[in-house]
Protein backbone atom coordinates (compact mmCIF):
# COMPACT_ATOMS: atom_id res chain seq x y z
CA MET A 1 16.94 -13.95 -10.65
CA THR A 2 18.65 -16.51 -12.88
CA GLY A 3 22.31 -15.81 -12.12
CA THR A 4 22.65 -15.40 -8.36
CA ALA A 5 23.36 -18.45 -6.18
CA ILE A 6 20.10 -19.73 -4.68
CA PRO A 7 20.98 -19.28 -0.97
CA ARG A 8 22.06 -15.68 -1.51
CA LEU A 9 19.13 -14.88 -3.82
CA VAL A 10 16.42 -16.36 -1.60
CA ALA A 11 17.98 -14.78 1.49
CA SER A 12 18.15 -11.35 -0.18
CA LEU A 13 14.41 -11.54 -0.92
CA ALA A 14 13.28 -13.48 2.15
CA ILE A 15 14.93 -11.29 4.80
CA PRO A 16 12.99 -8.13 3.89
CA THR A 17 9.75 -10.04 3.28
CA THR A 18 10.12 -11.82 6.61
CA VAL A 19 10.80 -8.54 8.37
CA SER A 20 7.71 -7.12 6.66
CA GLN A 21 5.61 -10.06 7.82
CA LEU A 22 6.97 -9.78 11.34
CA ILE A 23 6.27 -6.06 11.45
CA THR A 24 2.69 -6.71 10.34
CA VAL A 25 2.16 -9.38 13.00
CA ILE A 26 4.01 -7.39 15.64
CA TYR A 27 1.79 -4.36 15.28
CA ASN A 28 -1.30 -6.60 15.26
CA THR A 29 0.12 -8.25 18.37
CA ALA A 30 0.77 -4.80 19.84
CA ASP A 31 -2.96 -4.12 19.56
CA THR A 32 -3.62 -7.33 21.50
CA TYR A 33 -0.97 -6.44 24.10
CA PHE A 34 -2.24 -2.92 24.82
CA VAL A 35 -5.93 -3.85 24.60
CA SER A 36 -5.39 -6.83 26.93
CA HIS A 37 -4.44 -4.36 29.66
CA ILE A 38 -7.94 -2.85 29.51
CA ASP A 39 -9.72 -6.04 30.63
CA THR A 40 -10.30 -9.66 29.61
CA SER A 41 -13.42 -8.95 27.52
CA ALA A 42 -11.55 -6.30 25.52
CA SER A 43 -8.73 -8.77 24.93
CA ALA A 44 -11.24 -11.34 23.66
CA ALA A 45 -12.77 -8.71 21.34
CA VAL A 46 -9.51 -8.48 19.39
CA GLY A 47 -9.83 -12.20 18.64
CA VAL A 48 -13.38 -11.71 17.37
CA ALA A 49 -12.22 -8.75 15.27
CA PHE A 50 -9.42 -10.88 13.82
CA ALA A 51 -12.04 -13.10 12.19
CA LEU A 52 -13.33 -10.02 10.34
CA GLN A 53 -9.85 -8.80 9.47
CA ALA A 54 -9.16 -12.24 8.00
CA ILE A 55 -12.05 -11.70 5.58
CA ILE A 56 -10.56 -8.39 4.43
CA GLN A 57 -7.13 -9.98 4.18
CA ALA A 58 -8.58 -12.92 2.23
CA PHE A 59 -9.52 -10.72 -0.71
CA GLY A 60 -6.62 -8.29 -0.34
CA PHE A 61 -4.02 -11.06 -0.15
CA GLY A 62 -5.85 -13.05 -2.85
CA ILE A 63 -5.61 -10.27 -5.44
CA SER A 64 -2.05 -9.45 -4.38
CA MET A 65 -0.90 -13.09 -4.70
CA GLY A 66 -2.56 -13.40 -8.11
CA CYS A 67 -0.83 -10.18 -9.12
CA SER A 68 2.54 -11.30 -7.71
CA SER A 69 2.42 -14.62 -9.58
CA LEU A 70 1.48 -13.06 -12.91
CA VAL A 71 3.88 -10.12 -12.63
CA SER A 72 6.90 -12.27 -11.68
CA ARG A 73 6.22 -14.76 -14.49
CA ARG A 74 5.65 -12.05 -17.11
CA LEU A 75 8.86 -10.32 -16.07
CA GLY A 76 10.65 -13.68 -16.37
CA GLU A 77 9.21 -13.98 -19.90
CA LYS A 78 10.34 -10.39 -20.69
CA LYS A 79 6.74 -9.22 -21.14
CA ASP A 80 7.06 -6.00 -19.13
CA GLU A 81 3.98 -4.22 -20.56
CA GLU A 82 1.75 -7.16 -19.71
CA ALA A 83 3.23 -7.20 -16.18
CA GLU A 84 2.35 -3.50 -15.79
CA MET A 85 -1.20 -4.16 -16.97
CA TYR A 86 -1.70 -6.83 -14.30
CA ALA A 87 -0.18 -4.57 -11.64
CA ALA A 88 -2.39 -1.58 -12.45
CA SER A 89 -5.55 -3.69 -12.79
CA ALA A 90 -4.91 -5.48 -9.48
CA SER A 91 -4.43 -2.15 -7.69
CA VAL A 92 -7.78 -0.79 -8.89
CA GLY A 93 -9.54 -4.10 -8.25
CA ALA A 94 -8.25 -4.21 -4.67
CA ILE A 95 -9.55 -0.72 -3.88
CA ILE A 96 -13.01 -1.55 -5.27
CA LEU A 97 -13.13 -4.78 -3.26
CA GLY A 98 -12.08 -2.86 -0.14
CA PHE A 99 -15.03 -0.46 -0.47
CA MET A 100 -17.42 -3.36 -1.02
CA LEU A 101 -16.17 -5.09 2.14
CA MET A 102 -16.41 -1.85 4.11
CA ALA A 103 -20.03 -1.25 3.09
CA GLY A 104 -21.11 -4.84 3.71
CA GLY A 105 -19.44 -4.96 7.11
CA LEU A 106 -20.77 -1.65 8.41
CA LEU A 107 -24.34 -2.52 7.40
CA THR A 108 -24.29 -5.83 9.33
CA LEU A 109 -21.84 -5.04 12.15
CA ALA A 110 -23.54 -6.29 15.33
CA PRO A 111 -24.98 -9.55 13.91
CA LEU A 112 -21.66 -10.15 12.13
CA MET A 113 -19.75 -9.85 15.42
CA ARG A 114 -22.11 -12.33 17.10
CA LEU A 115 -21.65 -14.70 14.17
CA LEU A 116 -17.86 -14.43 14.57
CA GLY A 117 -18.00 -15.41 18.24
CA ALA A 118 -18.72 -12.31 20.35
CA THR A 119 -20.52 -12.90 23.65
CA GLU A 120 -22.79 -10.14 24.98
CA THR A 121 -19.95 -8.81 27.16
CA ILE A 122 -17.47 -8.90 24.28
CA LEU A 123 -19.87 -7.38 21.71
CA PRO A 124 -19.54 -3.64 22.58
CA TYR A 125 -15.73 -3.83 22.44
CA ALA A 126 -15.80 -5.82 19.19
CA CYS A 127 -18.12 -3.34 17.46
CA ASP A 128 -16.06 -0.32 18.57
CA TYR A 129 -12.90 -1.91 17.19
CA THR A 130 -14.14 -3.39 13.92
CA ARG A 131 -16.16 -0.31 12.88
CA ILE A 132 -12.92 1.62 12.43
CA ILE A 133 -11.06 -1.33 10.92
CA LEU A 134 -13.75 -1.62 8.23
CA ILE A 135 -13.35 2.03 7.27
CA GLY A 136 -9.69 1.29 6.55
CA ALA A 137 -10.44 -1.78 4.35
CA PRO A 138 -9.76 -0.07 0.97
CA VAL A 139 -6.41 1.24 2.24
CA MET A 140 -5.48 -2.18 3.59
CA CYS A 141 -6.29 -3.97 0.32
CA ALA A 142 -4.41 -1.43 -1.81
CA SER A 143 -1.31 -1.72 0.41
CA PHE A 144 -1.28 -5.52 0.01
CA VAL A 145 -1.17 -5.21 -3.79
CA LEU A 146 1.55 -2.55 -3.92
CA ASN A 147 3.70 -4.64 -1.58
CA ALA A 148 3.14 -7.71 -3.76
CA ILE A 149 4.19 -5.86 -6.92
CA LEU A 150 7.49 -4.75 -5.39
CA LYS A 151 8.21 -8.27 -4.12
CA ALA A 152 7.35 -9.80 -7.51
CA GLU A 153 9.98 -7.68 -9.25
CA GLY A 154 12.59 -8.53 -6.61
CA GLU A 155 12.42 -5.20 -4.73
CA ALA A 156 11.49 -6.66 -1.36
CA ASN A 157 13.64 -4.07 0.44
CA LEU A 158 11.45 -1.27 -0.92
CA SER A 159 8.24 -2.99 0.17
CA MET A 160 9.72 -3.44 3.64
CA ILE A 161 10.17 0.33 4.01
CA GLY A 162 6.44 1.04 3.82
CA LEU A 163 5.45 -1.78 6.16
CA CYS A 164 8.11 -0.99 8.74
CA ALA A 165 7.18 2.69 8.81
CA GLY A 166 3.52 1.77 9.34
CA GLY A 167 4.42 -0.70 12.08
CA VAL A 168 6.45 1.85 14.00
CA VAL A 169 3.61 4.38 13.73
CA ASN A 170 1.07 1.82 14.96
CA ILE A 171 3.11 0.78 17.98
CA GLY A 172 3.66 4.44 18.89
CA LEU A 173 0.03 5.47 18.49
CA ASP A 174 -1.51 2.51 20.38
CA PRO A 175 -0.71 3.66 23.94
CA LEU A 176 -1.28 7.31 22.97
CA PHE A 177 -4.82 6.74 21.70
CA ILE A 178 -5.81 4.00 24.18
CA TYR A 179 -4.53 5.57 27.41
CA THR A 180 -3.57 9.23 26.89
CA PHE A 181 -6.61 10.13 24.76
CA LYS A 182 -8.73 7.57 26.67
CA MET A 183 -10.22 6.12 23.48
CA GLY A 184 -10.00 2.54 24.74
CA ILE A 185 -10.21 -0.26 22.18
CA ALA A 186 -11.33 2.17 19.44
CA GLY A 187 -7.96 3.90 19.83
CA ALA A 188 -6.16 0.67 18.94
CA ALA A 189 -8.23 0.32 15.76
CA LEU A 190 -7.61 3.97 14.80
CA ALA A 191 -3.87 3.50 15.30
CA THR A 192 -3.98 0.47 12.98
CA VAL A 193 -5.85 2.31 10.21
CA ILE A 194 -3.57 5.37 10.40
CA SER A 195 -0.49 3.15 10.24
CA GLN A 196 -1.85 1.41 7.15
CA GLY A 197 -2.47 4.79 5.56
CA VAL A 198 1.14 5.78 6.25
CA SER A 199 2.37 2.56 4.62
CA LEU A 200 0.22 3.16 1.53
CA VAL A 201 1.47 6.74 1.08
CA ILE A 202 5.11 5.61 1.33
CA LEU A 203 4.55 2.82 -1.20
CA LEU A 204 2.90 5.24 -3.62
CA VAL A 205 5.86 7.61 -3.26
CA ILE A 206 8.22 4.70 -4.10
CA PHE A 207 6.29 3.96 -7.30
CA ARG A 208 6.10 7.65 -8.26
CA SER A 209 9.83 8.09 -7.68
CA GLY A 210 10.68 5.64 -10.46
CA ARG A 211 12.57 3.25 -8.18
CA SER A 212 10.38 0.31 -9.21
CA ILE A 213 10.49 -1.60 -12.49
CA ILE A 214 6.70 -1.57 -12.76
CA LYS A 215 5.07 1.79 -13.52
CA LEU A 216 1.56 2.26 -12.19
CA ARG A 217 -0.34 4.04 -14.96
CA ALA A 218 -4.08 4.65 -15.22
CA GLY A 219 -3.86 3.84 -18.91
CA ALA A 220 -2.57 0.35 -18.10
CA VAL A 221 -5.75 -0.64 -16.21
CA SER A 222 -7.49 -3.36 -18.20
CA LYS A 223 -11.16 -3.28 -19.14
CA ASP A 224 -11.12 -7.00 -19.92
CA ILE A 225 -13.02 -8.97 -17.27
CA ALA A 226 -10.84 -12.01 -18.05
CA VAL A 227 -7.84 -10.19 -16.54
CA TYR A 228 -9.59 -9.81 -13.18
CA TRP A 229 -10.84 -13.38 -13.32
CA ARG A 230 -7.25 -14.54 -13.89
CA LEU A 231 -6.05 -12.52 -10.89
CA LEU A 232 -8.76 -13.99 -8.68
CA ARG A 233 -8.28 -17.52 -10.01
CA ILE A 234 -4.57 -17.58 -9.21
CA GLY A 235 -5.17 -15.82 -5.90
CA PHE A 236 -8.04 -18.15 -5.01
CA PRO A 237 -5.86 -20.44 -2.83
CA THR A 238 -5.00 -17.43 -0.69
CA ILE A 239 -8.65 -16.39 -0.56
CA CYS A 240 -9.45 -19.95 0.56
CA ARG A 241 -6.68 -19.94 3.15
CA GLN A 242 -7.55 -16.53 4.61
CA GLY A 243 -11.30 -17.10 4.29
CA MET A 244 -10.93 -20.35 6.15
CA ALA A 245 -8.88 -18.47 8.74
CA SER A 246 -11.95 -16.33 9.39
CA VAL A 247 -14.21 -19.37 9.68
CA ALA A 248 -11.66 -21.13 11.89
CA SER A 249 -11.30 -18.10 14.15
CA ALA A 250 -15.07 -17.82 14.54
CA LEU A 251 -15.45 -21.52 15.31
CA LEU A 252 -12.56 -21.33 17.76
CA ASN A 253 -14.17 -18.36 19.54
CA HIS A 254 -17.54 -20.12 19.75
CA GLY A 255 -15.91 -23.37 20.90
CA ALA A 256 -13.81 -21.68 23.57
CA ALA A 257 -16.78 -19.73 24.90
CA HIS A 258 -19.09 -22.77 24.91
CA TRP A 259 -16.77 -25.30 26.52
CA ALA A 260 -15.31 -22.89 29.10
CA GLY A 261 -18.73 -22.13 30.59
CA ALA A 262 -18.48 -19.32 33.14
CA ASP A 263 -14.93 -18.55 31.96
CA ALA A 264 -16.08 -17.87 28.38
CA ASP A 265 -14.43 -14.45 27.99
CA ALA A 266 -11.19 -15.73 29.53
CA ALA A 267 -11.14 -18.69 27.15
CA VAL A 268 -11.71 -16.50 24.08
CA ALA A 269 -8.99 -14.13 25.28
CA ALA A 270 -6.61 -17.06 25.89
CA VAL A 271 -7.01 -18.60 22.42
CA THR A 272 -6.71 -15.12 20.90
CA ILE A 273 -3.37 -14.47 22.61
CA SER A 274 -1.97 -17.96 21.95
CA ASN A 275 -2.91 -17.66 18.27
CA LYS A 276 -1.15 -14.28 18.04
CA VAL A 277 2.04 -15.85 19.39
CA TYR A 278 1.69 -18.82 17.03
CA MET A 279 1.13 -16.43 14.12
CA LEU A 280 4.35 -14.64 15.00
CA VAL A 281 6.25 -17.81 14.08
CA ARG A 282 4.01 -18.60 11.12
CA SER A 283 4.63 -15.11 9.76
CA ILE A 284 8.34 -15.94 9.55
CA MET A 285 7.50 -18.98 7.41
CA ILE A 286 5.20 -16.93 5.18
CA GLY A 287 7.91 -14.25 4.88
CA ILE A 288 10.52 -16.80 3.80
CA GLY A 289 7.98 -18.22 1.35
CA GLN A 290 7.31 -14.78 -0.10
CA GLY A 291 11.05 -14.51 -0.75
CA PHE A 292 11.05 -17.97 -2.34
CA GLN A 293 7.98 -17.43 -4.56
CA PRO A 294 9.36 -14.75 -6.94
CA VAL A 295 12.49 -16.88 -7.40
CA ALA A 296 10.36 -19.92 -8.23
CA GLY A 297 7.98 -17.97 -10.48
CA TYR A 298 10.70 -16.16 -12.42
CA ASN A 299 12.84 -19.26 -13.00
CA TYR A 300 9.81 -21.37 -13.90
CA GLY A 301 8.83 -18.71 -16.43
CA ALA A 302 12.39 -18.76 -17.77
CA GLY A 303 12.36 -22.59 -17.97
CA ILE A 304 15.15 -23.14 -15.39
CA TYR A 305 13.41 -25.86 -13.36
CA SER A 306 16.47 -26.98 -11.41
CA ARG A 307 16.64 -23.60 -9.68
CA VAL A 308 12.98 -23.86 -8.66
CA LYS A 309 13.73 -27.17 -6.89
CA ARG A 310 16.87 -25.82 -5.23
CA ALA A 311 15.00 -22.74 -4.03
CA PHE A 312 12.29 -24.93 -2.48
CA ARG A 313 14.77 -27.20 -0.70
CA PHE A 314 16.86 -24.33 0.64
CA SER A 315 13.81 -22.41 1.89
CA THR A 316 12.37 -25.51 3.57
CA ALA A 317 15.64 -26.29 5.35
CA VAL A 318 16.03 -22.75 6.68
CA GLY A 319 12.37 -22.50 7.69
CA THR A 320 12.44 -25.80 9.56
CA VAL A 321 15.52 -24.85 11.58
CA ILE A 322 13.87 -21.58 12.60
CA ALA A 323 10.60 -23.33 13.48
CA VAL A 324 12.38 -25.87 15.69
CA ALA A 325 14.21 -23.08 17.55
CA ALA A 326 10.98 -21.11 18.02
CA ALA A 327 9.12 -24.18 19.29
CA ALA A 328 11.78 -24.75 21.92
CA ALA A 329 11.91 -21.11 23.01
CA ILE A 330 8.14 -20.73 23.34
CA GLY A 331 7.39 -24.26 24.58
CA PHE A 332 9.54 -23.89 27.70
CA ASN A 333 8.10 -20.44 28.56
CA THR A 334 4.38 -20.65 27.79
CA GLU A 335 3.15 -19.30 31.15
CA ALA A 336 5.58 -16.36 31.03
CA VAL A 337 4.43 -15.52 27.49
CA MET A 338 0.76 -15.50 28.51
CA HIS A 339 1.46 -13.45 31.65
CA TRP A 340 3.14 -10.81 29.52
CA PHE A 341 -0.16 -10.17 27.72
CA ARG A 342 -2.76 -10.63 30.44
CA ASP A 343 -2.25 -11.22 34.16
CA ASP A 344 -5.45 -13.24 34.57
CA PRO A 345 -4.86 -16.73 36.04
CA LYS A 346 -7.57 -18.37 33.95
CA VAL A 347 -6.35 -16.73 30.72
CA VAL A 348 -2.80 -17.87 31.49
CA GLU A 349 -3.86 -21.43 32.31
CA ILE A 350 -5.94 -21.94 29.16
CA GLY A 351 -3.52 -20.12 26.84
CA ALA A 352 -0.36 -21.83 28.10
CA LEU A 353 -1.74 -25.30 27.32
CA ALA A 354 -2.86 -24.15 23.86
CA LEU A 355 0.68 -22.88 23.19
CA LYS A 356 2.22 -26.18 24.28
CA PHE A 357 0.09 -28.06 21.76
CA ALA A 358 1.06 -25.56 19.06
CA CYS A 359 4.77 -25.92 19.77
CA ALA A 360 4.53 -29.70 19.35
CA VAL A 361 3.75 -29.34 15.62
CA MET A 362 5.58 -26.09 14.92
CA PRO A 363 8.64 -27.81 13.34
CA LEU A 364 6.38 -29.11 10.53
CA MET A 365 5.11 -25.66 9.61
CA ALA A 366 7.74 -24.64 7.04
CA TYR A 367 7.40 -27.63 4.73
CA SER A 368 3.60 -27.57 4.41
CA THR A 369 3.60 -23.79 3.95
CA PHE A 370 6.14 -23.88 1.11
CA VAL A 371 4.48 -26.80 -0.71
CA ASN A 372 1.29 -24.76 -0.89
CA GLN A 373 3.17 -21.62 -1.99
CA LEU A 374 5.05 -23.58 -4.67
CA TYR A 375 1.82 -24.71 -6.31
CA GLN A 376 0.31 -21.25 -6.07
CA CYS A 377 3.18 -19.16 -7.41
CA LEU A 378 3.51 -21.42 -10.47
CA GLY A 379 -0.21 -21.09 -11.27
CA PHE A 380 -1.49 -24.56 -10.22
CA SER A 381 -4.48 -23.02 -8.51
CA LEU A 382 -6.71 -26.09 -7.99
CA ALA A 383 -4.13 -28.10 -6.07
CA ALA A 384 -2.99 -24.97 -4.26
CA SER A 385 -6.60 -24.25 -3.24
CA ILE A 386 -7.00 -27.77 -1.83
CA LEU A 387 -3.78 -27.47 0.18
CA ALA A 388 -4.69 -23.99 1.35
CA SER A 389 -8.07 -25.23 2.56
CA CYS A 390 -6.65 -28.10 4.62
CA ARG A 391 -5.18 -26.27 7.59
CA GLN A 392 -8.18 -24.17 8.56
CA GLY A 393 -10.96 -25.80 6.60
CA ILE A 394 -10.95 -29.40 5.44
CA PHE A 395 -9.29 -30.66 8.64
CA PHE A 396 -9.96 -27.83 11.08
CA VAL A 397 -13.76 -27.72 10.81
CA PRO A 398 -14.52 -31.39 11.56
CA ILE A 399 -11.92 -31.43 14.35
CA ILE A 400 -13.32 -28.33 16.10
CA LEU A 401 -16.85 -29.77 15.82
CA LEU A 402 -15.97 -33.27 17.09
CA LEU A 403 -12.91 -33.21 19.37
CA PRO A 404 -14.30 -30.85 22.08
CA ARG A 405 -17.32 -33.14 22.40
CA LEU A 406 -14.94 -35.91 23.40
CA ILE A 407 -12.47 -34.08 25.67
CA GLY A 408 -14.03 -30.66 26.33
CA LEU A 409 -12.00 -27.43 26.28
CA ALA A 410 -8.74 -29.33 25.62
CA GLY A 411 -10.23 -30.32 22.29
CA VAL A 412 -10.54 -26.64 21.38
CA GLN A 413 -6.93 -26.03 22.39
CA MET A 414 -5.73 -29.01 20.32
CA THR A 415 -7.74 -28.30 17.16
CA GLN A 416 -5.30 -26.11 15.22
CA PRO A 417 -2.21 -28.24 16.01
CA ALA A 418 -4.09 -31.39 14.97
CA ALA A 419 -5.15 -29.75 11.69
CA ASP A 420 -1.54 -28.61 11.09
CA LEU A 421 -0.27 -32.16 11.59
CA LEU A 422 -2.74 -33.58 9.07
CA THR A 423 -1.91 -30.79 6.59
CA PHE A 424 1.77 -31.73 6.79
CA ILE A 425 0.99 -35.40 6.11
CA VAL A 426 -1.11 -34.52 3.03
CA SER A 427 1.56 -32.09 1.71
CA VAL A 428 4.18 -34.86 1.35
CA PRO A 429 2.61 -36.71 -1.62
CA PHE A 430 1.64 -33.37 -3.20
CA GLN A 431 5.29 -32.22 -3.16
CA ILE A 432 6.75 -35.52 -4.37
CA GLY A 433 4.22 -35.78 -7.20
CA PHE A 434 4.73 -32.17 -8.26
CA PHE A 435 8.48 -32.58 -8.54
CA LYS A 436 8.07 -35.72 -10.67
CA ARG A 437 5.39 -34.33 -12.99
CA VAL A 438 6.44 -30.70 -13.41
CA LEU A 439 10.00 -30.00 -12.31
CA ASP A 440 11.97 -33.20 -13.00
CA LYS A 441 12.80 -32.32 -16.60
CA PRO A 442 15.70 -30.65 -18.41
CA ASP A 443 16.08 -26.89 -18.12
CA ALA A 444 14.91 -24.97 -21.17
CA LEU A 445 17.78 -22.55 -20.56
CA PRO A 446 21.08 -23.05 -18.75
CA ALA A 447 21.33 -21.35 -15.34
CA ALA A 448 23.62 -18.32 -15.52
CA GLU A 449 25.07 -18.89 -12.06
CA GLY A 450 28.41 -20.40 -11.19
CA THR A 451 27.75 -22.63 -8.18
CA ASP A 452 25.01 -22.85 -5.53
């Protein structure tokens, strides 16, 4: 962590984390792809269900990011026992939260789906899908934490094994359950939950095999409430970001349905598909950032501030190049991309325009993502929470409420890109100020590397 040249170090961690992110998004996108071939309402139901999954992910990712930050910094400070305590406590906390989310969701399923944007024709599909997803919530939350622990200690390749295995299982089971067993949309949800279970079992085997630095021991679980508060406090920016993603998704579904009129289901399906494609690119940025974060956290803990800055600049440069290439590839083929999911002329028309707007701001995605992750992984939770809330909260909510009133459905399609643009603008002074206040000072220790 302190001796390897930054490009090689970040790449060694970012490649497996990016692959893991892509696998996660790909098998979520596979659900959308296979379900979209049922009918347009079923395709729209996946978008409604995503708003609920975002709630589960908010708490699962929140605890895992708090755990990752604390574990990487404690390892950098050579406090291994304290790192193990945070890892074990986060694992137990995630499982408990998962059961709480499962119970709350199942008890309020139908009204919750309406609240998240389901029309009466979408509602039966949405309930069938999310009922099974909720049952898998504890497994999902536990998997997030175990992955985060492996990444925090620099073993991103091991975390990738579990995710990739689950992704392959999901993609294989989707058509089997949906078409062969004629389970419809419920089959897609069951395939997702089984795949997450496979990932969790593999991750547990990795920890039991002794291949990880951190040992998960029941005796290491803390009884101090302050430990769990610390995990949630540091992970709060992620909870904000993912929680806002749920709110944003619900508002987007309601906006698309309202302003499309008779084409409500087609509009919800279109924004669902376009968002899945957009998330495919965003997942690459998040994956690179997850490779950057342990490097930043470890070197910050070790007092080598120059390496934190170099890691940020290198990650941002690589991410921006990839985002520009993706924007070009998708922007010139938006209709073909939409056709691949759903051969419905109205879905293609609405979704293709939404994708064009998204591609216009895609090159800015890497920088704003990494500024937020920099604040978070170093424990500056208030500023990180503000930045995390911008993209799908502070800017998104007023735009989705106002812009469609001015220009109709196009306002719905432009909302997320407009919020992304404003988030980028706000991130610039945050990054410049952070470098000046926190990182522009002499290293406490000399870097052990030769040259970067």
